[in-house]
C-alpha cells in the first residue's frame, strides 16, 4: 500500500512536470523602439495639451461628471458620514419617516450648484420684477383696449348727437313753415327758393318768435348778415368813395341796422333752450307739432284731427 502510494505520487509529479514542460507561452508583441523624432513629437503634444486652457464647457462637463460620480458612490463603513449615521442607529438602506417602505428616498438630495456670481436671493428678486413687469403689461393692454372701446363709444355718441341735431333743425323748419302758414305770411323759411334771398329785411322782432324754432331763424339771419357784409365789402372795394347806390333807400338800411343790433343782443330764453340735451329739445318740438298742428314729425304727415288716427306712436322707434 505504501509502495503503491509512493508510486502514484511519483507518477502524478511526472505528469505535472510533463504538463509544465509542454506549456507554450505567447511571445509579447514586438514594438519598434521609439525614435528621437517620435519622442520629440510626443513630448510636444503632451506639452500643448497641458498648456491649453480648458473651455468653460469642458470644465462644466468635468465638474458635472465628478458630481454625478460622487452622488452615485454608495457610502461604506469607512466614510465619516456613514460612521456618524451608524452611531445614531443607521444600518443602511433609506432614511426618513418612511424608513423601510418603498416610498422612502434611496438617493441623496441633489445638490444645486451656483454657477454665477449673483447674491443669494437675486433670482427671486428677478422673478418678482418679471412678475411686476408682466402685470404692468397686462394693465397696459387692458387700458389700450379700454381706450379703444371708449373711443368707439364716444364716436357712436357723436354720430347719434349729430343725427339728433339734424332732426332738430328739420323739426324747427317744419314749425316755422306751419306758423307762417297760419299767419298767412307770403314768405318762405329759406327765402322762397333755395339760393334766393328775401328782398326786404324782417320787420317782426326776433324775441316774438317761439323759442322752439327761434334758434333756426336767428342762425339764418346771421348767415344773411355775413353774406351782406361780404357783399358790402366787395362793393366798397370795387366802387369809388363818392359812389352812392340810389336803389337802396334809408329805411332799408335802417331796418338791417336794427336787425343786426337785435342779433347781437343776449337771449337768455334761447340759451336756456339750447342748453337742453338734444333728446329733450327734439321731444319738445315733436310734442308741439302734434299738439298745435296735429303733425307727426316721424310720419311727415298732418292729420285732420287731434286723435292722429293711424299714427303708430310718438317715438321714432314706433315708426320702424
Protein backbone atom coordinates (compact mmCIF):
# COMPACT_ATOMS: atom_id res chain seq x y z
CA UNK A 1 0.00 0.00 0.00
CA UNK A 2 2.80 2.39 0.93
CA UNK A 3 4.74 1.44 -2.20
CA UNK A 4 1.69 1.99 -4.38
CA UNK A 5 1.06 5.32 -2.84
CA UNK A 6 4.60 6.47 -3.40
CA UNK A 7 4.46 5.22 -6.95
CA UNK A 8 1.25 7.11 -7.65
CA UNK A 9 2.77 10.27 -6.24
CA UNK A 10 5.81 9.92 -8.45
CA UNK A 11 3.60 9.28 -11.47
CA UNK A 12 1.48 12.35 -10.72
CA UNK A 13 4.55 14.52 -10.25
CA UNK A 14 5.90 13.25 -13.52
CA UNK A 15 2.67 14.08 -15.29
CA UNK A 16 2.61 17.57 -13.79
CA UNK A 17 6.22 18.02 -14.82
CA UNK A 18 5.35 16.87 -18.29
CA UNK A 19 2.40 19.23 -18.46
CA UNK A 20 4.53 22.13 -17.26
CA UNK A 21 7.16 21.35 -19.78
CA UNK A 22 4.58 21.06 -22.52
CA UNK A 23 3.12 24.62 -21.89
CA UNK A 24 3.73 27.25 -24.52
CA UNK A 25 3.86 30.97 -23.80
CA UNK A 26 2.84 33.61 -26.35
CA UNK A 27 5.62 35.92 -27.10
CA UNK A 28 4.90 39.57 -26.27
CA UNK A 29 4.28 41.75 -29.29
CA UNK A 30 7.35 43.35 -30.52
CA UNK A 31 7.09 47.11 -30.86
CA UNK A 32 9.51 49.18 -32.73
CA UNK A 33 11.59 51.32 -30.46
CA UNK A 34 10.56 54.98 -30.27
CA UNK A 35 12.79 57.17 -32.30
CA UNK A 36 14.03 60.52 -31.18
CA UNK A 37 11.74 62.31 -33.65
CA UNK A 38 8.69 60.41 -32.36
CA UNK A 39 9.65 61.13 -28.77
CA UNK A 40 10.07 64.82 -29.54
CA UNK A 41 6.64 64.96 -31.24
CA UNK A 42 5.02 63.11 -28.32
CA UNK A 43 6.51 65.43 -25.73
CA UNK A 44 5.41 68.41 -27.80
CA UNK A 45 1.81 67.11 -27.97
CA UNK A 46 1.75 66.50 -24.22
CA UNK A 47 3.10 69.97 -23.50
CA UNK A 48 0.50 71.57 -25.77
CA UNK A 49 -2.29 69.57 -24.09
CA UNK A 50 -1.09 70.67 -20.64
CA UNK A 51 -0.65 74.32 -21.64
CA UNK A 52 -4.01 74.61 -23.47
CA UNK A 53 -6.63 76.15 -21.11
CA UNK A 54 -9.86 74.26 -20.85
CA UNK A 55 -13.01 75.89 -22.07
CA UNK A 56 -15.94 76.65 -19.78
CA UNK A 57 -17.96 73.87 -21.38
CA UNK A 58 -15.20 71.31 -20.72
CA UNK A 59 -14.75 72.47 -17.12
CA UNK A 60 -18.53 72.34 -16.54
CA UNK A 61 -18.67 68.84 -18.09
CA UNK A 62 -15.84 67.59 -15.85
CA UNK A 63 -17.45 69.10 -12.73
CA UNK A 64 -20.80 67.59 -13.64
CA UNK A 65 -19.25 64.19 -14.24
CA UNK A 66 -17.38 64.34 -10.93
CA UNK A 67 -20.56 65.36 -9.12
CA UNK A 68 -22.56 62.54 -10.68
CA UNK A 69 -19.84 60.09 -9.83
CA UNK A 70 -19.76 61.28 -6.22
CA UNK A 71 -23.53 61.07 -5.90
CA UNK A 72 -23.58 57.61 -7.42
CA UNK A 73 -20.97 56.32 -4.93
CA UNK A 74 -22.57 54.34 -2.10
CA UNK A 75 -21.47 55.20 1.42
CA UNK A 76 -19.38 52.44 3.03
CA UNK A 77 -18.33 51.84 6.58
CA UNK A 78 -15.10 53.80 6.10
CA UNK A 79 -16.98 57.00 5.23
CA UNK A 80 -17.08 59.57 8.04
CA UNK A 81 -20.73 60.42 7.36
CA UNK A 82 -21.65 56.74 7.45
CA UNK A 83 -19.91 56.38 10.82
CA UNK A 84 -21.87 59.31 12.21
CA UNK A 85 -25.14 57.81 10.99
CA UNK A 86 -24.16 54.41 12.39
CA UNK A 87 -23.79 55.93 15.84
CA UNK A 88 -27.39 57.14 15.50
CA UNK A 89 -28.61 53.65 14.63
CA UNK A 90 -28.37 53.71 10.82
CA UNK A 91 -27.73 50.29 9.37
CA UNK A 92 -28.01 51.09 5.69
CA UNK A 93 -30.90 51.47 3.31
CA UNK A 94 -33.13 54.55 3.36
CA UNK A 95 -33.71 57.44 5.71
CA UNK A 96 -36.74 59.45 6.76
CA UNK A 97 -40.16 58.81 8.25
CA UNK A 98 -40.89 56.23 5.53
CA UNK A 99 -37.88 54.13 6.56
CA UNK A 100 -38.16 50.62 5.24
CA UNK A 101 -41.05 51.36 2.84
CA UNK A 102 -40.97 51.70 -0.91
CA UNK A 103 -41.70 55.44 -0.74
CA UNK A 104 -38.54 56.30 1.16
CA UNK A 105 -35.74 58.23 -0.53
CA UNK A 106 -32.92 55.94 -1.55
CA UNK A 107 -30.72 58.60 -3.15
CA UNK A 108 -29.22 61.70 -1.58
CA UNK A 109 -30.71 65.10 -2.27
CA UNK A 110 -29.36 66.61 -5.44
CA UNK A 111 -27.01 69.50 -4.98
CA UNK A 112 -27.82 72.62 -6.97
CA UNK A 113 -24.56 74.28 -7.87
CA UNK A 114 -24.48 78.06 -8.04
CA UNK A 115 -22.53 78.88 -11.16
CA UNK A 116 -22.92 82.66 -11.29
CA UNK A 117 -21.65 85.45 -9.04
CA UNK A 118 -25.02 86.89 -8.10
CA UNK A 119 -26.02 87.13 -4.48
CA UNK A 120 -28.37 84.77 -2.72
CA UNK A 121 -31.99 85.82 -3.35
CA UNK A 122 -31.29 87.64 -6.61
CA UNK A 123 -33.19 85.06 -8.63
CA UNK A 124 -36.32 85.55 -6.52
CA UNK A 125 -35.95 89.33 -6.94
CA UNK A 126 -35.67 88.88 -10.70
CA UNK A 127 -38.78 86.73 -10.69
CA UNK A 128 -40.63 89.38 -8.67
CA UNK A 129 -39.59 92.12 -11.09
CA UNK A 130 -40.56 89.94 -14.05
CA UNK A 131 -43.96 89.30 -12.47
CA UNK A 132 -44.45 93.03 -11.82
CA UNK A 133 -43.48 93.87 -15.41
CA UNK A 134 -45.91 91.24 -16.67
CA UNK A 135 -48.70 92.71 -14.54
CA UNK A 136 -47.91 96.21 -15.82
CA UNK A 137 -48.01 94.93 -19.39
CA UNK A 138 -51.39 93.29 -18.78
CA UNK A 139 -52.73 96.54 -17.30
CA UNK A 140 -51.35 98.50 -20.25
CA UNK A 141 -53.03 96.16 -22.74
CA UNK A 142 -56.33 96.41 -20.84
CA UNK A 143 -56.01 100.21 -20.76
CA UNK A 144 -55.41 100.30 -24.53
CA UNK A 145 -58.39 98.03 -25.12
CA UNK A 146 -60.47 100.23 -22.80
CA UNK A 147 -59.41 103.33 -24.70
CA UNK A 148 -60.41 101.69 -27.95
CA UNK A 149 -63.81 100.80 -26.51
CA UNK A 150 -64.20 104.34 -25.13
CA UNK A 151 -63.23 105.81 -28.49
CA UNK A 152 -65.80 103.68 -30.33
CA UNK A 153 -68.45 104.58 -27.76
CA UNK A 154 -67.58 108.28 -27.98
CA UNK A 155 -67.66 108.11 -31.77
CA UNK A 156 -71.05 106.40 -31.65
CA UNK A 157 -72.39 109.09 -29.30
CA UNK A 158 -71.05 111.87 -31.52
CA UNK A 159 -72.76 110.35 -34.55
CA UNK A 160 -76.01 109.95 -32.61
CA UNK A 161 -75.86 113.58 -31.41
CA UNK A 162 -75.10 114.81 -34.92
CA UNK A 163 -78.10 112.88 -36.23
CA UNK A 164 -80.30 114.34 -33.49
CA UNK A 165 -79.14 117.88 -34.30
CA UNK A 166 -80.13 117.34 -37.93
CA UNK A 167 -83.56 116.11 -36.85
CA UNK A 168 -83.94 119.14 -34.54
CA UNK A 169 -83.19 121.52 -37.41
CA UNK A 170 -85.75 119.70 -39.58
CA UNK A 171 -88.40 119.96 -36.84
CA UNK A 172 -87.66 123.70 -36.44
CA UNK A 173 -88.12 124.28 -40.15
CA UNK A 174 -91.48 122.45 -40.09
CA UNK A 175 -92.64 124.52 -37.10
CA UNK A 176 -91.64 127.77 -38.77
CA UNK A 177 -93.38 126.90 -42.01
CA UNK A 178 -96.61 125.89 -40.25
CA UNK A 179 -96.53 129.04 -38.09
CA UNK A 180 -96.07 131.29 -41.12
CA UNK A 181 -98.84 129.43 -42.92
CA UNK A 182 -101.17 130.20 -40.04
CA UNK A 183 -100.17 133.85 -40.12
CA UNK A 184 -100.57 133.84 -43.93
CA UNK A 185 -97.18 135.46 -44.44
CA UNK A 186 -96.05 135.36 -48.04
CA UNK A 187 -92.53 134.43 -47.15
CA UNK A 188 -90.65 131.16 -47.22
CA UNK A 189 -88.49 129.90 -44.39
CA UNK A 190 -85.47 129.59 -46.66
CA UNK A 191 -86.16 132.67 -48.79
CA UNK A 192 -88.85 131.41 -51.22
CA UNK A 193 -86.38 129.35 -53.25
CA UNK A 194 -83.08 127.94 -52.12
CA UNK A 195 -80.33 130.37 -53.08
CA UNK A 196 -82.70 133.37 -53.45
CA UNK A 197 -82.64 135.81 -50.54
CA UNK A 198 -85.58 137.97 -49.47
CA UNK A 199 -85.56 141.47 -50.92
CA UNK A 200 -86.76 143.09 -47.70
CA UNK A 201 -85.49 142.51 -44.19
CA UNK A 202 -87.65 141.04 -41.49
CA UNK A 203 -89.79 143.50 -39.55
CA UNK A 204 -91.02 141.05 -36.90
CA UNK A 205 -88.99 141.17 -33.63
CA UNK A 206 -86.85 138.11 -33.07
CA UNK A 207 -87.97 137.73 -29.46
CA UNK A 208 -91.61 137.38 -30.57
CA UNK A 209 -90.81 134.11 -32.34
CA UNK A 210 -91.41 130.92 -30.40
CA UNK A 211 -88.25 129.77 -28.67
CA UNK A 212 -88.66 126.27 -30.13
CA UNK A 213 -87.63 127.45 -33.60
CA UNK A 214 -86.15 130.86 -32.78
CA UNK A 215 -82.65 129.43 -32.99
CA UNK A 216 -83.18 128.37 -36.60
CA UNK A 217 -84.42 131.85 -37.57
CA UNK A 218 -81.54 133.53 -35.74
CA UNK A 219 -79.00 131.27 -37.39
CA UNK A 220 -80.41 132.04 -40.82
CA UNK A 221 -80.37 135.80 -40.15
CA UNK A 222 -76.77 135.60 -39.00
CA UNK A 223 -75.86 133.85 -42.23
CA UNK A 224 -77.68 136.59 -44.16
CA UNK A 225 -75.77 139.27 -42.25
CA UNK A 226 -72.45 137.61 -43.06
CA UNK A 227 -73.43 137.40 -46.73
CA UNK A 228 -74.43 141.07 -46.78
CA UNK A 229 -71.18 142.07 -45.06
CA UNK A 230 -69.17 140.27 -47.73
CA UNK A 231 -71.29 141.96 -50.40
CA UNK A 232 -70.80 145.41 -48.89
CA UNK A 233 -67.06 144.81 -48.62
CA UNK A 234 -66.91 143.80 -52.25
CA UNK A 235 -68.91 146.89 -53.29
CA UNK A 236 -66.70 149.19 -51.28
CA UNK A 237 -63.57 147.81 -52.91
CA UNK A 238 -64.97 147.93 -56.44
CA UNK A 239 -66.51 151.44 -56.37
CA UNK A 240 -65.30 154.96 -55.77
CA UNK A 241 -65.62 156.50 -52.29
CA UNK A 242 -68.14 159.03 -53.63
CA UNK A 243 -70.39 156.33 -55.13
CA UNK A 244 -73.90 156.02 -53.68
CA UNK A 245 -76.49 153.38 -54.53
CA UNK A 246 -79.71 155.19 -55.45
CA UNK A 247 -81.72 151.95 -55.34
CA UNK A 248 -81.03 151.38 -51.62
CA UNK A 249 -83.18 153.71 -49.54
CA UNK A 250 -82.62 154.81 -45.96
CA UNK A 251 -85.43 152.71 -44.50
CA UNK A 252 -83.83 149.57 -45.90
CA UNK A 253 -80.50 150.43 -44.29
CA UNK A 254 -82.19 151.32 -41.03
CA UNK A 255 -84.09 148.03 -40.93
CA UNK A 256 -80.94 145.98 -41.47
CA UNK A 257 -79.12 148.01 -38.84
CA UNK A 258 -81.84 147.35 -36.25
CA UNK A 259 -81.85 143.66 -37.13
CA UNK A 260 -78.08 143.40 -36.59
CA UNK A 261 -78.39 145.04 -33.20
CA UNK A 262 -81.08 142.52 -32.26
CA UNK A 263 -78.91 139.59 -33.33
CA UNK A 264 -76.09 140.80 -31.08
CA UNK A 265 -78.33 141.03 -28.03
CA UNK A 266 -78.32 138.23 -25.46
CA UNK A 267 -81.29 135.89 -25.42
CA UNK A 268 -81.50 134.08 -22.06
CA UNK A 269 -84.59 132.11 -23.07
CA UNK A 270 -82.92 130.79 -26.22
CA UNK A 271 -79.72 129.98 -24.33
CA UNK A 272 -81.70 128.00 -21.76
CA UNK A 273 -83.45 126.03 -24.51
CA UNK A 274 -80.16 125.30 -26.32
CA UNK A 275 -78.61 124.08 -23.06
CA UNK A 276 -81.02 121.15 -23.00
CA UNK A 277 -79.84 117.79 -24.28
CA UNK A 278 -80.75 117.04 -27.91
CA UNK A 279 -83.27 114.34 -26.94
CA UNK A 280 -85.28 116.76 -24.82
CA UNK A 281 -85.26 119.54 -27.43
CA UNK A 282 -86.41 117.16 -30.17
CA UNK A 283 -89.16 115.77 -27.90
CA UNK A 284 -90.43 119.29 -27.16
CA UNK A 285 -90.57 120.13 -30.88
CA UNK A 286 -92.38 116.89 -31.75
CA UNK A 287 -94.90 117.37 -28.95
CA UNK A 288 -95.59 120.95 -30.04
CA UNK A 289 -96.14 119.83 -33.64
CA UNK A 290 -98.61 117.15 -32.52
CA UNK A 291 -100.48 119.36 -30.04
CA UNK A 292 -100.67 122.53 -32.17
CA UNK A 293 -100.97 121.36 -35.78
CA UNK A 294 -101.69 117.60 -35.41
CA UNK A 295 -98.47 116.99 -37.35
CA UNK A 296 -96.37 113.88 -36.74
CA UNK A 297 -92.71 114.60 -37.43
CA UNK A 298 -91.92 110.92 -37.89
CA UNK A 299 -94.86 110.25 -40.20
CA UNK A 300 -94.23 113.54 -42.08
CA UNK A 301 -97.99 113.95 -42.26
CA UNK A 302 -100.55 116.44 -40.91
CA UNK A 303 -103.57 114.61 -39.56
CA UNK A 304 -107.11 116.08 -39.82
CA UNK A 305 -107.91 115.93 -36.08
CA UNK A 306 -106.22 115.75 -32.68
CA UNK A 307 -106.69 111.98 -32.41
CA UNK A 308 -103.94 111.44 -35.04
CA UNK A 309 -105.64 108.22 -36.05
CA UNK A 310 -103.22 105.94 -37.89
CA UNK A 311 -100.05 107.29 -36.27
CA UNK A 312 -98.04 104.39 -34.75
CA UNK A 313 -96.80 106.43 -31.79
CA UNK A 314 -94.90 109.43 -30.52
CA UNK A 315 -91.40 107.90 -30.68
CA UNK A 316 -89.19 107.28 -33.70
CA UNK A 317 -88.88 103.60 -32.79
CA UNK A 318 -92.65 103.24 -33.15
CA UNK A 319 -92.37 104.13 -36.86
CA UNK A 320 -89.80 101.47 -37.78
